[in-house]
Amino acid sequence: NTTAQEIWKIIVDNVFSIGTVGVSPAVMGIRIVKNTMGNIPARQVNMQHARTPQSSHPATFYFKG
């Protein structure tokens, strides 16, 4: 039981995390688009109330042949 407690203490004391949600380059307006996609706007609205790709009409995106 003491071994398990020591292991648990090591795990708790050495927590490492890599943030995957939060401030990302997308917040700063950086977008990545694959070369084979078409009808992608060069600029996109980036405001607090418009944090969605919907403003660029993704239904009109397509893959180039």
Protein backbone atom coordinates (compact mmCIF):
# COMPACT_ATOMS: atom_id res chain seq x y z
CA ASN A 1 0.00 0.00 0.00
CA THR A 2 2.86 2.41 0.75
CA THR A 3 4.36 1.71 -2.66
CA ALA A 4 1.08 2.67 -4.32
CA GLN A 5 0.95 5.86 -2.25
CA GLU A 6 4.51 6.74 -3.30
CA ILE A 7 3.67 6.14 -6.95
CA TRP A 8 0.53 8.25 -6.62
CA LYS A 9 2.54 11.07 -5.00
CA ILE A 10 5.06 11.00 -7.87
CA ILE A 11 2.23 11.13 -10.41
CA VAL A 12 0.52 14.04 -8.64
CA ASP A 13 3.75 16.02 -8.15
CA ASN A 14 4.86 15.62 -11.78
CA VAL A 15 1.79 16.56 -13.77
CA PHE A 16 2.58 17.81 -17.24
CA SER A 17 -0.02 19.12 -19.61
CA ILE A 18 0.01 20.27 -23.19
CA GLY A 19 -2.75 22.76 -23.85
CA THR A 20 -4.87 21.87 -26.83
CA VAL A 21 -7.76 24.23 -26.19
CA GLY A 22 -7.45 27.94 -25.63
CA VAL A 23 -5.39 30.66 -27.19
CA SER A 24 -4.24 29.38 -30.54
CA PRO A 25 -2.88 31.02 -33.68
CA ALA A 26 -6.45 30.97 -35.02
CA VAL A 27 -7.37 33.61 -32.44
CA MET A 28 -4.77 35.87 -34.03
CA GLY A 29 -6.29 35.32 -37.49
CA ILE A 30 -3.96 32.61 -38.77
CA ARG A 31 -5.70 30.05 -40.95
CA ILE A 32 -4.30 27.00 -42.69
CA VAL A 33 -5.83 25.84 -45.94
CA LYS A 34 -4.83 22.89 -48.06
CA ASN A 35 -3.75 23.71 -51.62
CA THR A 36 -6.38 21.42 -53.09
CA MET A 37 -9.31 23.38 -51.66
CA GLY A 38 -11.13 26.09 -53.55
CA ASN A 39 -13.40 29.04 -52.82
CA ILE A 40 -11.62 29.72 -49.53
CA PRO A 41 -11.70 33.43 -48.64
CA ALA A 42 -8.34 35.13 -48.23
CA ARG A 43 -9.63 36.87 -45.11
CA GLN A 44 -12.15 35.83 -42.50
CA VAL A 45 -14.04 37.72 -39.81
CA ASN A 46 -12.37 37.29 -36.44
CA MET A 47 -14.46 38.89 -33.70
CA GLN A 48 -15.73 37.70 -30.34
CA HIS A 49 -19.31 37.30 -31.55
CA ALA A 50 -18.25 35.68 -34.86
CA ARG A 51 -15.90 32.91 -33.73
CA THR A 52 -17.20 30.46 -36.25
CA PRO A 53 -16.18 29.61 -39.81
CA GLN A 54 -19.83 30.06 -40.82
CA SER A 55 -19.18 33.67 -41.87
CA SER A 56 -17.00 32.40 -44.74
CA HIS A 57 -19.76 30.05 -46.01
CA PRO A 58 -17.99 26.68 -45.75
CA ALA A 59 -20.84 25.04 -47.67
CA THR A 60 -19.33 26.61 -50.80
CA PHE A 61 -15.83 25.18 -50.27
CA TYR A 62 -14.75 22.46 -52.68
CA PHE A 63 -11.83 20.21 -53.48
CA LYS A 64 -10.05 20.98 -56.73
CA GLY A 65 -9.88 18.18 -59.26
